[in-house]
Amino acid sequence: MGWDALVGKSYVALGYRVVHWKKNTPKKEAIVYCGNASISDLSLYNLNPFTEYNVQVQGFNSIGPGPLSETLTCVTSEDGTYR
């Protein structure tokens, strides 16, 4: 999956936080990945095959985190990955 880079005049993006959890389970069971600002895509591995997951992306800078993206629901492949 990929996303557009943060662009702003008053801040410099430091990175992104990607949160994913199985659909129909509490978000509190989410797994979080953090990456630097040069990353604008991520493949998720070791997930359950043919399973729906919810995913959100959130940028952050020196001031703190920005808003979470809308929730994207995706389905993993036979080998338990989502790209």
Protein backbone atom coordinates (compact mmCIF):
# COMPACT_ATOMS: atom_id res chain seq x y z
CA MET A 1 0.00 0.00 0.00
CA GLY A 2 1.13 3.55 -0.53
CA TRP A 3 0.21 7.11 0.36
CA ASP A 4 0.97 10.66 -0.72
CA ALA A 5 3.79 12.42 1.08
CA LEU A 6 2.93 15.16 3.54
CA VAL A 7 3.47 18.60 2.09
CA GLY A 8 3.29 21.77 4.15
CA LYS A 9 4.94 25.13 4.42
CA SER A 10 5.00 25.37 8.20
CA TYR A 11 6.33 21.93 9.10
CA VAL A 12 8.67 19.19 7.99
CA ALA A 13 7.35 15.63 8.10
CA LEU A 14 9.54 13.33 10.18
CA GLY A 15 7.75 10.10 9.41
CA TYR A 16 4.62 8.03 9.20
CA ARG A 17 2.80 5.68 11.52
CA VAL A 18 0.85 2.81 9.94
CA VAL A 19 -1.74 1.03 12.09
CA HIS A 20 -3.48 -2.20 11.11
CA TRP A 21 -5.89 -4.56 12.82
CA LYS A 22 -8.21 -7.38 11.80
CA LYS A 23 -11.59 -6.16 10.67
CA ASN A 24 -14.32 -6.70 13.28
CA THR A 25 -11.82 -6.73 16.17
CA PRO A 26 -11.07 -3.89 18.60
CA LYS A 27 -8.59 -1.33 17.34
CA LYS A 28 -6.74 -1.66 20.65
CA GLU A 29 -5.25 -4.87 19.21
CA ALA A 30 -3.64 -2.89 16.39
CA ILE A 31 -0.06 -3.36 15.27
CA VAL A 32 1.89 -0.17 14.55
CA TYR A 33 4.80 0.43 12.17
CA CYS A 34 6.75 3.69 12.14
CA GLY A 35 8.88 4.84 9.26
CA ASN A 36 10.80 7.93 8.24
CA ALA A 37 9.49 10.63 5.92
CA SER A 38 11.17 9.14 2.84
CA ILE A 39 8.88 6.09 3.03
CA SER A 40 5.57 6.37 1.20
CA ASP A 41 4.65 2.70 0.86
CA LEU A 42 4.68 -0.40 2.99
CA SER A 43 4.05 -4.12 2.52
CA LEU A 44 2.49 -5.95 5.45
CA TYR A 45 3.69 -9.52 6.07
CA ASN A 46 2.87 -12.46 8.37
CA LEU A 47 -0.85 -11.70 8.39
CA ASN A 48 -3.58 -14.31 8.16
CA PRO A 49 -4.30 -15.42 4.57
CA PHE A 50 -7.49 -14.19 2.87
CA THR A 51 -8.34 -12.01 5.88
CA GLU A 52 -9.76 -8.48 5.96
CA TYR A 53 -7.67 -5.88 7.79
CA ASN A 54 -8.30 -2.22 8.51
CA VAL A 55 -5.38 0.13 7.88
CA GLN A 56 -4.75 3.79 8.75
CA VAL A 57 -1.76 6.05 8.10
CA GLN A 58 -0.73 9.03 10.22
CA GLY A 59 2.07 11.50 9.56
CA PHE A 60 4.03 13.10 12.36
CA ASN A 61 6.49 15.96 12.78
CA SER A 62 8.32 17.72 15.62
CA ILE A 63 5.03 19.17 16.89
CA GLY A 64 3.36 15.76 17.13
CA PRO A 65 1.07 13.44 15.18
CA GLY A 66 -1.32 14.61 12.51
CA PRO A 67 -4.80 13.21 11.95
CA LEU A 68 -5.26 9.57 11.07
CA SER A 69 -6.24 8.82 7.49
CA GLU A 70 -9.59 7.35 6.64
CA THR A 71 -9.74 3.63 7.36
CA LEU A 72 -8.92 1.43 4.39
CA THR A 73 -10.13 -2.16 4.45
CA CYS A 74 -7.98 -4.61 2.52
CA VAL A 75 -7.80 -8.38 2.02
CA THR A 76 -4.55 -10.29 2.34
CA SER A 77 -3.28 -12.72 -0.26
CA GLU A 78 -2.86 -16.48 0.07
CA ASP A 79 0.59 -16.04 1.66
CA GLY A 80 -0.70 -13.54 4.25
CA THR A 81 0.74 -10.37 2.71
CA TYR A 82 -0.76 -7.09 1.59
CA ARG A 83 1.14 -4.80 -0.76
